[in-house]
Amino acid sequence: MSSVAPAASAAAQSVPRAAFDWRPVALLLALPLLAWPLLGSGSTWLTLTFAGLTMGLIIFVIASGLTLVFGLMDVLNFGHGVFIALGAFMATSVMGWTAAADGPTVAGVFASMLVAMAVAGAAGLVFERLIVRPVYGLHLKQILITMGGMIVGEELIKVIWGPQQVALPLPQDLRGAWLVGEAAIERYRVLASVIGLVVFAALVWTLNRTKLGLLIRAGVQDRSMVEALGYRIRRLFVGVFVAGSALAGLGGVLWGLYQQSVIPQIGAQVNVLIFIVIIIGGLGSTFGCFVGALLVGLMANYTGYLAPKVALFSNIALMVGVLLWRPQGLYPVANR
């Protein structure tokens, strides 16, 4: 037995580890550097760069749930937008209930995030049981039935909150900006950036450093083997879907506060953007989604300032360029 352990250890050490691909990260770092001489002002560059990174982190929070569901469950959920809209509208209600005499409060913002995640997660549980479960493994039917579910969800939101645009103002403490030289760093964007980074760190840690993440990833590779070991993989996958829906609800709150208003179609509008992000990043890749979201946020802000008309299709152009370079996205799951 004593000779077996060293042999196993030596065999484990001899297995080469896949080298991390830094080229997509280099692209992310190169984009701000290329934009600097075009903008012509250091303060403008800093303001737009921070705004773009914040926008990217908010998009990541929204898209991370969809990436999680597809990467671990192989489900194309085109109804993801309904959880975004539900989270945003729950924020309008909760912030209204918790508002002080002078308007919304910071405590109300955090309360709305928690409530939005809980409600969107519960809605995700119902959505999975009634709509998604019958079409596991059938991608075409998944697309059709989840899009139908989103349409129905939007109509239910109109019944509850009405079809009109609803204001979602920021609390007084989150308005305004800090000045760094001549650059303006908005207070709310700092908070949104911190939340986005916390979500990213929590996802990476859970998937790579915990037993739960190991079981989920093992269930994706060999479901029958995990079930033979006594684990109920279906419950794990349902939990993943609920977590993805809750993250969409949180992202809906962040996006609604970013826009300072919400409409029932907010989910459908953002859906296009998040699908661009997960295609750029590589379907199912959490880190790819993170890099792709930051690229999209930076590109939108730079082009919006330099050439507003180009900004309308800049993200599609970015997606086309990335796919010409890497047809499977920046970090395809198959290569990990």
C-alpha atoms as a PDB file:
ATOM      1  CA  MET A   1       0.000   0.000   0.000  1.00  0.00           C
ATOM      2  CA  SER A   2       2.872   2.383   0.769  1.00  0.00           C
ATOM      3  CA  SER A   3       4.216   2.078  -2.786  1.00  0.00           C
ATOM      4  CA  VAL A   4       0.820   2.689  -4.360  1.00  0.00           C
ATOM      5  CA  ALA A   5       0.338   6.150  -2.833  1.00  0.00           C
ATOM      6  CA  PRO A   6       3.616   7.638  -4.175  1.00  0.00           C
ATOM      7  CA  ALA A   7       2.888   6.154  -7.593  1.00  0.00           C
ATOM      8  CA  ALA A   8      -0.589   7.700  -7.633  1.00  0.00           C
ATOM      9  CA  SER A   9       0.849  11.026  -6.506  1.00  0.00           C
ATOM     10  CA  ALA A  10       3.504  10.931  -9.221  1.00  0.00           C
ATOM     11  CA  ALA A  11       0.874  10.061 -11.838  1.00  0.00           C
ATOM     12  CA  ALA A  12      -1.294  12.970 -10.716  1.00  0.00           C
ATOM     13  CA  GLN A  13       1.651  15.342 -10.927  1.00  0.00           C
ATOM     14  CA  SER A  14       2.510  14.109 -14.406  1.00  0.00           C
ATOM     15  CA  VAL A  15      -0.898  15.058 -15.805  1.00  0.00           C
ATOM     16  CA  PRO A  16      -0.420  18.419 -17.536  1.00  0.00           C
ATOM     17  CA  ARG A  17      -2.745  21.242 -16.602  1.00  0.00           C
ATOM     18  CA  ALA A  18      -4.387  23.243 -19.331  1.00  0.00           C
ATOM     19  CA  ALA A  19      -2.718  26.635 -19.613  1.00  0.00           C
ATOM     20  CA  PHE A  20      -4.981  29.607 -19.038  1.00  0.00           C
ATOM     21  CA  ASP A  21      -5.675  31.540 -22.233  1.00  0.00           C
ATOM     22  CA  TRP A  22      -4.809  35.195 -21.623  1.00  0.00           C
ATOM     23  CA  ARG A  23      -5.631  36.457 -25.118  1.00  0.00           C
ATOM     24  CA  PRO A  24      -9.303  37.366 -24.412  1.00  0.00           C
ATOM     25  CA  VAL A  25      -8.173  39.188 -21.247  1.00  0.00           C
ATOM     26  CA  ALA A  26      -5.561  41.009 -23.326  1.00  0.00           C
ATOM     27  CA  LEU A  27      -8.339  42.047 -25.711  1.00  0.00           C
ATOM     28  CA  LEU A  28     -10.333  43.404 -22.767  1.00  0.00           C
ATOM     29  CA  LEU A  29      -7.317  45.428 -21.596  1.00  0.00           C
ATOM     30  CA  ALA A  30      -6.492  46.614 -25.118  1.00  0.00           C
ATOM     31  CA  LEU A  31      -9.941  48.093 -25.787  1.00  0.00           C
ATOM     32  CA  PRO A  32      -9.612  50.960 -23.239  1.00  0.00           C
ATOM     33  CA  LEU A  33      -6.040  51.623 -24.379  1.00  0.00           C
ATOM     34  CA  LEU A  34      -7.170  51.918 -28.004  1.00  0.00           C
ATOM     35  CA  ALA A  35     -10.018  54.224 -26.985  1.00  0.00           C
ATOM     36  CA  TRP A  36      -7.769  56.618 -25.021  1.00  0.00           C
ATOM     37  CA  PRO A  37      -6.243  58.526 -27.995  1.00  0.00           C
ATOM     38  CA  LEU A  38      -9.623  58.651 -29.739  1.00  0.00           C
ATOM     39  CA  LEU A  39     -11.327  60.310 -26.768  1.00  0.00           C
ATOM     40  CA  GLY A  40      -8.625  62.967 -26.436  1.00  0.00           C
ATOM     41  CA  SER A  41      -9.185  63.639 -22.735  1.00  0.00           C
ATOM     42  CA  GLY A  42      -8.013  61.651 -19.743  1.00  0.00           C
ATOM     43  CA  SER A  43     -11.007  62.641 -17.617  1.00  0.00           C
ATOM     44  CA  THR A  44     -13.462  61.690 -20.373  1.00  0.00           C
ATOM     45  CA  TRP A  45     -11.659  58.380 -20.830  1.00  0.00           C
ATOM     46  CA  LEU A  46     -11.806  57.590 -17.101  1.00  0.00           C
ATOM     47  CA  THR A  47     -15.494  58.527 -16.842  1.00  0.00           C
ATOM     48  CA  LEU A  48     -16.500  56.432 -19.862  1.00  0.00           C
ATOM     49  CA  THR A  49     -14.288  53.507 -18.883  1.00  0.00           C
ATOM     50  CA  PHE A  50     -15.733  53.278 -15.391  1.00  0.00           C
ATOM     51  CA  ALA A  51     -19.267  53.696 -16.765  1.00  0.00           C
ATOM     52  CA  GLY A  52     -18.599  50.939 -19.294  1.00  0.00           C
ATOM     53  CA  LEU A  53     -17.200  48.575 -16.682  1.00  0.00           C
ATOM     54  CA  THR A  54     -20.206  49.202 -14.441  1.00  0.00           C
ATOM     55  CA  MET A  55     -22.613  48.571 -17.286  1.00  0.00           C
ATOM     56  CA  GLY A  56     -20.713  45.394 -18.095  1.00  0.00           C
ATOM     57  CA  LEU A  57     -20.882  44.147 -14.501  1.00  0.00           C
ATOM     58  CA  ILE A  58     -24.642  44.758 -14.363  1.00  0.00           C
ATOM     59  CA  ILE A  59     -25.056  42.878 -17.643  1.00  0.00           C
ATOM     60  CA  PHE A  60     -22.931  40.068 -16.203  1.00  0.00           C
ATOM     61  CA  VAL A  61     -25.230  39.713 -13.189  1.00  0.00           C
ATOM     62  CA  ILE A  62     -28.204  39.482 -15.550  1.00  0.00           C
ATOM     63  CA  ALA A  63     -26.515  37.087 -17.973  1.00  0.00           C
ATOM     64  CA  SER A  64     -24.801  34.908 -15.369  1.00  0.00           C
ATOM     65  CA  GLY A  65     -28.054  33.161 -14.506  1.00  0.00           C
ATOM     66  CA  LEU A  66     -28.683  32.267 -18.142  1.00  0.00           C
ATOM     67  CA  THR A  67     -25.066  31.122 -18.560  1.00  0.00           C
ATOM     68  CA  LEU A  68     -25.371  28.972 -15.449  1.00  0.00           C
ATOM     69  CA  VAL A  69     -28.573  27.325 -16.658  1.00  0.00           C
ATOM     70  CA  PHE A  70     -27.234  26.604 -20.134  1.00  0.00           C
ATOM     71  CA  GLY A  71     -23.762  25.535 -19.058  1.00  0.00           C
ATOM     72  CA  LEU A  72     -24.943  23.144 -16.350  1.00  0.00           C
ATOM     73  CA  MET A  73     -28.405  22.097 -17.569  1.00  0.00           C
ATOM     74  CA  ASP A  74     -28.127  22.485 -21.361  1.00  0.00           C
ATOM     75  CA  VAL A  75     -31.357  24.510 -21.374  1.00  0.00           C
ATOM     76  CA  LEU A  76     -31.884  27.390 -23.824  1.00  0.00           C
ATOM     77  CA  ASN A  77     -34.131  29.584 -21.712  1.00  0.00           C
ATOM     78  CA  PHE A  78     -35.429  32.401 -23.905  1.00  0.00           C
ATOM     79  CA  GLY A  79     -37.865  33.236 -21.113  1.00  0.00           C
ATOM     80  CA  HIS A  80     -35.034  34.530 -18.924  1.00  0.00           C
ATOM     81  CA  GLY A  81     -36.230  38.075 -19.515  1.00  0.00           C
ATOM     82  CA  VAL A  82     -39.412  37.573 -17.509  1.00  0.00           C
ATOM     83  CA  PHE A  83     -37.362  37.129 -14.314  1.00  0.00           C
ATOM     84  CA  ILE A  84     -35.460  40.332 -15.117  1.00  0.00           C
ATOM     85  CA  ALA A  85     -38.712  42.257 -15.514  1.00  0.00           C
ATOM     86  CA  LEU A  86     -40.218  40.660 -12.412  1.00  0.00           C
ATOM     87  CA  GLY A  87     -37.207  41.660 -10.315  1.00  0.00           C
ATOM     88  CA  ALA A  88     -37.302  45.233 -11.640  1.00  0.00           C
ATOM     89  CA  PHE A  89     -41.012  45.672 -10.905  1.00  0.00           C
ATOM     90  CA  MET A  90     -40.700  44.118  -7.462  1.00  0.00           C
ATOM     91  CA  ALA A  91     -38.077  46.791  -6.780  1.00  0.00           C
ATOM     92  CA  THR A  92     -40.567  49.542  -7.669  1.00  0.00           C
ATOM     93  CA  SER A  93     -43.023  48.137  -5.131  1.00  0.00           C
ATOM     94  CA  VAL A  94     -40.570  47.413  -2.320  1.00  0.00           C
ATOM     95  CA  MET A  95     -38.815  50.763  -2.653  1.00  0.00           C
ATOM     96  CA  GLY A  96     -42.221  52.435  -2.576  1.00  0.00           C
ATOM     97  CA  TRP A  97     -43.184  50.586   0.613  1.00  0.00           C
ATOM     98  CA  THR A  98     -39.887  51.394   2.341  1.00  0.00           C
ATOM     99  CA  ALA A  99     -39.594  55.004   1.152  1.00  0.00           C
ATOM    100  CA  ALA A 100     -39.063  57.756   3.700  1.00  0.00           C
ATOM    101  CA  ALA A 101     -40.629  61.206   3.608  1.00  0.00           C
ATOM    102  CA  ASP A 102     -37.836  62.496   1.370  1.00  0.00           C
ATOM    103  CA  GLY A 103     -37.931  59.563  -1.064  1.00  0.00           C
ATOM    104  CA  PRO A 104     -36.373  56.103  -1.477  1.00  0.00           C
ATOM    105  CA  THR A 105     -33.743  54.874   0.964  1.00  0.00           C
ATOM    106  CA  VAL A 106     -30.567  52.829   0.605  1.00  0.00           C
ATOM    107  CA  ALA A 107     -32.066  50.222   2.954  1.00  0.00           C
ATOM    108  CA  GLY A 108     -35.002  50.023   0.559  1.00  0.00           C
ATOM    109  CA  VAL A 109     -32.604  49.309  -2.323  1.00  0.00           C
ATOM    110  CA  PHE A 110     -31.054  46.337  -0.524  1.00  0.00           C
ATOM    111  CA  ALA A 111     -34.467  45.115   0.644  1.00  0.00           C
ATOM    112  CA  SER A 112     -35.740  45.277  -2.938  1.00  0.00           C
ATOM    113  CA  MET A 113     -32.750  43.207  -4.117  1.00  0.00           C
ATOM    114  CA  LEU A 114     -33.468  40.476  -1.575  1.00  0.00           C
ATOM    115  CA  VAL A 115     -37.196  40.412  -2.295  1.00  0.00           C
ATOM    116  CA  ALA A 116     -36.620  40.478  -6.057  1.00  0.00           C
ATOM    117  CA  MET A 117     -34.244  37.507  -5.821  1.00  0.00           C
ATOM    118  CA  ALA A 118     -36.711  35.546  -3.678  1.00  0.00           C
ATOM    119  CA  VAL A 119     -39.708  36.247  -5.922  1.00  0.00           C
ATOM    120  CA  ALA A 120     -37.782  35.639  -9.158  1.00  0.00           C
ATOM    121  CA  GLY A 121     -36.374  32.407  -7.706  1.00  0.00           C
ATOM    122  CA  ALA A 122     -39.869  31.209  -6.766  1.00  0.00           C
ATOM    123  CA  ALA A 123     -41.130  32.128 -10.236  1.00  0.00           C
ATOM    124  CA  GLY A 124     -38.180  30.212 -11.698  1.00  0.00           C
ATOM    125  CA  LEU A 125     -39.198  27.113  -9.732  1.00  0.00           C
ATOM    126  CA  VAL A 126     -42.715  27.266 -11.197  1.00  0.00           C
ATOM    127  CA  PHE A 127     -41.314  28.029 -14.670  1.00  0.00           C
ATOM    128  CA  GLU A 128     -39.008  25.008 -14.532  1.00  0.00           C
ATOM    129  CA  ARG A 129     -41.711  22.610 -13.371  1.00  0.00           C
ATOM    130  CA  LEU A 130     -44.453  23.698 -15.763  1.00  0.00           C
ATOM    131  CA  ILE A 131     -42.567  24.849 -18.874  1.00  0.00           C
ATOM    132  CA  VAL A 132     -38.964  23.655 -18.975  1.00  0.00           C
ATOM    133  CA  ARG A 133     -39.152  20.163 -17.474  1.00  0.00           C
ATOM    134  CA  PRO A 134     -41.221  18.602 -20.296  1.00  0.00           C
ATOM    135  CA  VAL A 135     -38.676  19.734 -22.935  1.00  0.00           C
ATOM    136  CA  TYR A 136     -35.314  18.763 -21.413  1.00  0.00           C
ATOM    137  CA  GLY A 137     -32.937  17.794 -24.207  1.00  0.00           C
ATOM    138  CA  LEU A 138     -35.147  19.306 -26.936  1.00  0.00           C
ATOM    139  CA  HIS A 139     -33.529  22.622 -27.862  1.00  0.00           C
ATOM    140  CA  LEU A 140     -35.998  23.736 -30.533  1.00  0.00           C
ATOM    141  CA  LYS A 141     -38.967  23.114 -28.270  1.00  0.00           C
ATOM    142  CA  GLN A 142     -37.125  24.870 -25.425  1.00  0.00           C
ATOM    143  CA  ILE A 143     -36.754  28.013 -27.521  1.00  0.00           C
ATOM    144  CA  LEU A 144     -40.401  28.053 -28.574  1.00  0.00           C
ATOM    145  CA  ILE A 145     -41.969  27.216 -25.225  1.00  0.00           C
ATOM    146  CA  THR A 146     -39.745  29.518 -23.144  1.00  0.00           C
ATOM    147  CA  MET A 147     -40.404  32.436 -25.503  1.00  0.00           C
ATOM    148  CA  GLY A 148     -44.103  31.765 -25.055  1.00  0.00           C
ATOM    149  CA  GLY A 149     -43.586  31.698 -21.301  1.00  0.00           C
ATOM    150  CA  MET A 150     -41.907  35.110 -21.439  1.00  0.00           C
ATOM    151  CA  ILE A 151     -44.812  36.584 -23.418  1.00  0.00           C
ATOM    152  CA  VAL A 152     -47.301  35.244 -20.879  1.00  0.00           C
ATOM    153  CA  GLY A 153     -45.130  36.533 -18.027  1.00  0.00           C
ATOM    154  CA  GLU A 154     -44.997  40.023 -19.538  1.00  0.00           C
ATOM    155  CA  GLU A 155     -48.781  40.087 -19.791  1.00  0.00           C
ATOM    156  CA  LEU A 156     -49.117  39.037 -16.149  1.00  0.00           C
ATOM    157  CA  ILE A 157     -46.750  41.861 -15.164  1.00  0.00           C
ATOM    158  CA  LYS A 158     -48.977  44.298 -17.079  1.00  0.00           C
ATOM    159  CA  VAL A 159     -52.002  42.986 -15.178  1.00  0.00           C
ATOM    160  CA  ILE A 160     -50.310  43.556 -11.806  1.00  0.00           C
ATOM    161  CA  TRP A 161     -48.319  46.776 -12.385  1.00  0.00           C
ATOM    162  CA  GLY A 162     -49.930  48.168 -15.532  1.00  0.00           C
ATOM    163  CA  PRO A 163     -48.542  48.638 -19.052  1.00  0.00           C
ATOM    164  CA  GLN A 164     -46.998  52.056 -18.476  1.00  0.00           C
ATOM    165  CA  GLN A 165     -43.425  52.963 -17.626  1.00  0.00           C
ATOM    166  CA  VAL A 166     -42.800  53.093 -13.867  1.00  0.00           C
ATOM    167  CA  ALA A 167     -40.171  55.360 -12.318  1.00  0.00           C
ATOM    168  CA  LEU A 168     -37.444  53.776 -10.179  1.00  0.00           C
ATOM    169  CA  PRO A 169     -35.518  56.730  -8.742  1.00  0.00           C
ATOM    170  CA  LEU A 170     -32.268  56.396  -6.850  1.00  0.00           C
ATOM    171  CA  PRO A 171     -32.090  57.270  -3.137  1.00  0.00           C
ATOM    172  CA  GLN A 172     -30.551  60.632  -2.385  1.00  0.00           C
ATOM    173  CA  ASP A 173     -27.442  58.978  -0.916  1.00  0.00           C
ATOM    174  CA  LEU A 174     -26.738  57.173  -4.211  1.00  0.00           C
ATOM    175  CA  ARG A 175     -27.190  60.195  -6.452  1.00  0.00           C
ATOM    176  CA  GLY A 176     -24.379  62.401  -7.618  1.00  0.00           C
ATOM    177  CA  ALA A 177     -20.757  61.522  -8.214  1.00  0.00           C
ATOM    178  CA  TRP A 178     -17.294  61.714  -6.731  1.00  0.00           C
ATOM    179  CA  LEU A 179     -14.766  63.754  -8.685  1.00  0.00           C
ATOM    180  CA  VAL A 180     -11.395  62.202  -9.486  1.00  0.00           C
ATOM    181  CA  GLY A 181      -9.614  65.130 -11.038  1.00  0.00           C
ATOM    182  CA  GLU A 182     -12.080  66.167 -13.733  1.00  0.00           C
ATOM    183  CA  ALA A 183     -13.593  62.681 -14.070  1.00  0.00           C
ATOM    184  CA  ALA A 184     -16.982  61.921 -12.509  1.00  0.00           C
ATOM    185  CA  ILE A 185     -17.484  58.552 -10.775  1.00  0.00           C
ATOM    186  CA  GLU A 186     -21.190  58.068 -10.013  1.00  0.00           C
ATOM    187  CA  ARG A 187     -22.014  56.711  -6.575  1.00  0.00           C
ATOM    188  CA  TYR A 188     -24.612  54.211  -7.727  1.00  0.00           C
ATOM    189  CA  ARG A 189     -22.233  52.769 -10.288  1.00  0.00           C
ATOM    190  CA  VAL A 190     -19.682  52.084  -7.566  1.00  0.00           C
ATOM    191  CA  LEU A 191     -22.308  50.100  -5.634  1.00  0.00           C
ATOM    192  CA  ALA A 192     -23.431  48.228  -8.757  1.00  0.00           C
ATOM    193  CA  SER A 193     -19.816  47.388  -9.618  1.00  0.00           C
ATOM    194  CA  VAL A 194     -19.159  45.980  -6.149  1.00  0.00           C
ATOM    195  CA  ILE A 195     -22.300  43.814  -6.348  1.00  0.00           C
ATOM    196  CA  GLY A 196     -21.293  42.551  -9.789  1.00  0.00           C
ATOM    197  CA  LEU A 197     -17.807  41.597  -8.584  1.00  0.00           C
ATOM    198  CA  VAL A 198     -19.244  39.844  -5.510  1.00  0.00           C
ATOM    199  CA  VAL A 199     -21.616  37.807  -7.712  1.00  0.00           C
ATOM    200  CA  PHE A 200     -18.739  36.824 -10.013  1.00  0.00           C
ATOM    201  CA  ALA A 201     -16.496  35.800  -7.112  1.00  0.00           C
ATOM    202  CA  ALA A 202     -19.315  33.829  -5.467  1.00  0.00           C
ATOM    203  CA  LEU A 203     -20.096  31.922  -8.666  1.00  0.00           C
ATOM    204  CA  VAL A 204     -16.462  31.042  -9.367  1.00  0.00           C
ATOM    205  CA  TRP A 205     -15.900  29.938  -5.781  1.00  0.00           C
ATOM    206  CA  THR A 206     -19.089  27.860  -5.638  1.00  0.00           C
ATOM    207  CA  LEU A 207     -18.496  26.078  -8.939  1.00  0.00           C
ATOM    208  CA  ASN A 208     -14.786  25.410  -8.433  1.00  0.00           C
ATOM    209  CA  ARG A 209     -14.191  25.204  -4.689  1.00  0.00           C
ATOM    210  CA  THR A 210     -17.247  23.572  -3.109  1.00  0.00           C
ATOM    211  CA  LYS A 211     -18.741  20.082  -3.008  1.00  0.00           C
ATOM    212  CA  LEU A 212     -21.986  21.464  -4.430  1.00  0.00           C
ATOM    213  CA  GLY A 213     -20.184  22.834  -7.472  1.00  0.00           C
ATOM    214  CA  LEU A 214     -18.323  19.525  -7.901  1.00  0.00           C
ATOM    215  CA  LEU A 215     -21.587  17.566  -7.840  1.00  0.00           C
ATOM    216  CA  ILE A 216     -23.227  19.877 -10.347  1.00  0.00           C
ATOM    217  CA  ARG A 217     -20.300  19.704 -12.763  1.00  0.00           C
ATOM    218  CA  ALA A 218     -20.072  15.928 -12.309  1.00  0.00           C
ATOM    219  CA  GLY A 219     -23.803  15.624 -12.973  1.00  0.00           C
ATOM    220  CA  VAL A 220     -23.372  17.429 -16.260  1.00  0.00           C
ATOM    221  CA  GLN A 221     -20.621  15.014 -17.334  1.00  0.00           C
ATOM    222  CA  ASP A 222     -22.167  11.728 -16.103  1.00  0.00           C
ATOM    223  CA  ARG A 223     -25.596  12.069 -14.553  1.00  0.00           C
ATOM    224  CA  SER A 224     -26.209   8.336 -14.062  1.00  0.00           C
ATOM    225  CA  MET A 225     -22.953   7.878 -12.147  1.00  0.00           C
ATOM    226  CA  VAL A 226     -23.751  10.727  -9.742  1.00  0.00           C
ATOM    227  CA  GLU A 227     -27.238   9.298  -9.167  1.00  0.00           C
ATOM    228  CA  ALA A 228     -25.699   5.859  -8.551  1.00  0.00           C
ATOM    229  CA  LEU A 229     -23.667   7.430  -5.732  1.00  0.00           C
ATOM    230  CA  GLY A 230     -26.918   8.413  -4.036  1.00  0.00           C
ATOM    231  CA  TYR A 231     -27.217  12.075  -5.028  1.00  0.00           C
ATOM    232  CA  ARG A 232     -30.469  13.440  -6.457  1.00  0.00           C
ATOM    233  CA  ILE A 233     -29.143  15.258  -9.469  1.00  0.00           C
ATOM    234  CA  ARG A 234     -32.572  16.509 -10.556  1.00  0.00           C
ATOM    235  CA  ARG A 235     -32.880  18.487  -7.329  1.00  0.00           C
ATOM    236  CA  LEU A 236     -29.440  19.967  -7.922  1.00  0.00           C
ATOM    237  CA  PHE A 237     -30.407  21.057 -11.417  1.00  0.00           C
ATOM    238  CA  VAL A 238     -33.682  22.555 -10.209  1.00  0.00           C
ATOM    239  CA  GLY A 239     -31.645  24.469  -7.629  1.00  0.00           C
ATOM    240  CA  VAL A 240     -29.391  25.752 -10.416  1.00  0.00           C
ATOM    241  CA  PHE A 241     -32.420  26.975 -12.365  1.00  0.00           C
ATOM    242  CA  VAL A 242     -33.830  28.717  -9.289  1.00  0.00           C
ATOM    243  CA  ALA A 243     -30.439  30.342  -8.588  1.00  0.00           C
ATOM    244  CA  GLY A 244     -30.201  31.519 -12.201  1.00  0.00           C
ATOM    245  CA  SER A 245     -33.686  33.034 -11.971  1.00  0.00           C
ATOM    246  CA  ALA A 246     -32.810  34.761  -8.693  1.00  0.00           C
ATOM    247  CA  LEU A 247     -29.698  36.286 -10.274  1.00  0.00           C
ATOM    248  CA  ALA A 248     -31.865  37.553 -13.141  1.00  0.00           C
ATOM    249  CA  GLY A 249     -34.148  39.190 -10.561  1.00  0.00           C
ATOM    250  CA  LEU A 250     -31.144  40.871  -8.909  1.00  0.00           C
ATOM    251  CA  GLY A 251     -29.914  42.007 -12.313  1.00  0.00           C
ATOM    252  CA  GLY A 252     -33.354  43.428 -13.069  1.00  0.00           C
ATOM    253  CA  VAL A 253     -33.155  45.617  -9.957  1.00  0.00           C
ATOM    254  CA  LEU A 254     -29.660  46.826 -10.876  1.00  0.00           C
ATOM    255  CA  TRP A 255     -30.663  47.541 -14.472  1.00  0.00           C
ATOM    256  CA  GLY A 256     -33.876  49.311 -13.442  1.00  0.00           C
ATOM    257  CA  LEU A 257     -31.961  51.573 -11.064  1.00  0.00           C
ATOM    258  CA  TYR A 258     -29.367  52.131 -13.794  1.00  0.00           C
ATOM    259  CA  GLN A 259     -32.153  53.296 -16.157  1.00  0.00           C
ATOM    260  CA  GLN A 260     -34.185  54.841 -13.279  1.00  0.00           C
ATOM    261  CA  SER A 261     -37.370  53.479 -14.872  1.00  0.00           C
ATOM    262  CA  VAL A 262     -38.838  50.123 -15.849  1.00  0.00           C
ATOM    263  CA  ILE A 263     -41.335  48.904 -18.449  1.00  0.00           C
ATOM    264  CA  PRO A 264     -42.924  45.447 -18.864  1.00  0.00           C
ATOM    265  CA  GLN A 265     -40.783  44.845 -21.969  1.00  0.00           C
ATOM    266  CA  ILE A 266     -37.507  45.469 -20.092  1.00  0.00           C
ATOM    267  CA  GLY A 267     -36.732  41.754 -20.031  1.00  0.00           C
ATOM    268  CA  ALA A 268     -37.215  41.301 -23.781  1.00  0.00           C
ATOM    269  CA  GLN A 269     -35.044  44.352 -24.467  1.00  0.00           C
ATOM    270  CA  VAL A 270     -32.189  43.117 -22.286  1.00  0.00           C
ATOM    271  CA  ASN A 271     -32.555  39.540 -23.574  1.00  0.00           C
ATOM    272  CA  VAL A 272     -30.928  40.485 -26.873  1.00  0.00           C
ATOM    273  CA  LEU A 273     -27.974  42.033 -25.071  1.00  0.00           C
ATOM    274  CA  ILE A 274     -27.390  39.081 -22.750  1.00  0.00           C
ATOM    275  CA  PHE A 275     -27.505  36.579 -25.600  1.00  0.00           C
ATOM    276  CA  ILE A 276     -24.839  38.631 -27.374  1.00  0.00           C
ATOM    277  CA  VAL A 277     -22.762  38.457 -24.188  1.00  0.00           C
ATOM    278  CA  ILE A 278     -23.003  34.702 -23.693  1.00  0.00           C
ATOM    279  CA  ILE A 279     -22.294  34.063 -27.387  1.00  0.00           C
ATOM    280  CA  ILE A 280     -19.181  36.259 -27.196  1.00  0.00           C
ATOM    281  CA  GLY A 281     -18.027  34.614 -23.975  1.00  0.00           C
ATOM    282  CA  GLY A 282     -18.717  31.025 -25.064  1.00  0.00           C
ATOM    283  CA  LEU A 283     -21.983  29.273 -24.311  1.00  0.00           C
ATOM    284  CA  GLY A 284     -22.007  28.105 -20.709  1.00  0.00           C
ATOM    285  CA  SER A 285     -18.732  29.741 -19.643  1.00  0.00           C
ATOM    286  CA  THR A 286     -18.995  31.876 -16.499  1.00  0.00           C
ATOM    287  CA  PHE A 287     -15.613  33.543 -16.973  1.00  0.00           C
ATOM    288  CA  GLY A 288     -16.314  34.015 -20.684  1.00  0.00           C
ATOM    289  CA  CYS A 289     -19.616  35.667 -19.776  1.00  0.00           C
ATOM    290  CA  PHE A 290     -17.737  37.981 -17.403  1.00  0.00           C
ATOM    291  CA  VAL A 291     -15.183  39.050 -20.032  1.00  0.00           C
ATOM    292  CA  GLY A 292     -17.855  39.324 -22.739  1.00  0.00           C
ATOM    293  CA  ALA A 293     -20.081  41.525 -20.560  1.00  0.00           C
ATOM    294  CA  LEU A 294     -17.213  43.912 -19.817  1.00  0.00           C
ATOM    295  CA  LEU A 295     -16.345  44.108 -23.529  1.00  0.00           C
ATOM    296  CA  VAL A 296     -19.965  44.894 -24.401  1.00  0.00           C
ATOM    297  CA  GLY A 297     -20.241  47.561 -21.694  1.00  0.00           C
ATOM    298  CA  LEU A 298     -17.026  49.292 -22.733  1.00  0.00           C
ATOM    299  CA  MET A 299     -17.874  49.144 -26.432  1.00  0.00           C
ATOM    300  CA  ALA A 300     -21.343  50.599 -25.854  1.00  0.00           C
ATOM    301  CA  ASN A 301     -20.009  53.552 -23.856  1.00  0.00           C
ATOM    302  CA  TYR A 302     -17.079  54.369 -26.130  1.00  0.00           C
ATOM    303  CA  THR A 303     -19.093  54.211 -29.346  1.00  0.00           C
ATOM    304  CA  GLY A 304     -22.021  56.024 -27.724  1.00  0.00           C
ATOM    305  CA  TYR A 305     -19.713  58.963 -27.063  1.00  0.00           C
ATOM    306  CA  LEU A 306     -17.653  58.886 -30.271  1.00  0.00           C
ATOM    307  CA  ALA A 307     -20.325  57.884 -32.805  1.00  0.00           C
ATOM    308  CA  PRO A 308     -23.868  57.587 -31.395  1.00  0.00           C
ATOM    309  CA  LYS A 309     -25.252  56.119 -34.606  1.00  0.00           C
ATOM    310  CA  VAL A 310     -22.605  53.395 -34.611  1.00  0.00           C
ATOM    311  CA  ALA A 311     -23.518  52.533 -31.006  1.00  0.00           C
ATOM    312  CA  LEU A 312     -26.824  51.097 -32.230  1.00  0.00           C
ATOM    313  CA  PHE A 313     -25.062  48.103 -33.772  1.00  0.00           C
ATOM    314  CA  SER A 314     -21.628  48.213 -32.114  1.00  0.00           C
ATOM    315  CA  ASN A 315     -22.301  45.192 -29.908  1.00  0.00           C
ATOM    316  CA  ILE A 316     -23.428  43.097 -32.872  1.00  0.00           C
ATOM    317  CA  ALA A 317     -20.266  44.162 -34.721  1.00  0.00           C
ATOM    318  CA  LEU A 318     -18.227  43.161 -31.657  1.00  0.00           C
ATOM    319  CA  MET A 319     -19.926  39.752 -31.600  1.00  0.00           C
ATOM    320  CA  VAL A 320     -19.251  39.226 -35.310  1.00  0.00           C
ATOM    321  CA  GLY A 321     -15.601  40.189 -34.867  1.00  0.00           C
ATOM    322  CA  VAL A 322     -15.118  37.825 -31.923  1.00  0.00           C
ATOM    323  CA  LEU A 323     -16.823  34.933 -33.731  1.00  0.00           C
ATOM    324  CA  LEU A 324     -14.642  35.465 -36.800  1.00  0.00           C
ATOM    325  CA  TRP A 325     -11.639  35.182 -34.473  1.00  0.00           C
ATOM    326  CA  ARG A 326     -13.066  32.400 -32.285  1.00  0.00           C
ATOM    327  CA  PRO A 327     -16.209  30.747 -33.683  1.00  0.00           C
ATOM    328  CA  GLN A 328     -16.989  29.074 -30.329  1.00  0.00           C
ATOM    329  CA  GLY A 329     -16.564  32.238 -28.264  1.00  0.00           C
ATOM    330  CA  LEU A 330     -13.758  33.506 -26.051  1.00  0.00           C
ATOM    331  CA  TYR A 331     -13.813  30.645 -23.531  1.00  0.00           C
ATOM    332  CA  PRO A 332     -15.737  27.697 -24.987  1.00  0.00           C
ATOM    333  CA  VAL A 333     -16.725  25.180 -22.323  1.00  0.00           C
ATOM    334  CA  ALA A 334     -15.585  22.272 -24.479  1.00  0.00           C
ATOM    335  CA  ASN A 335     -11.995  23.500 -24.222  1.00  0.00           C
ATOM    336  CA  ARG A 336     -11.862  23.794 -20.436  1.00  0.00           C
END
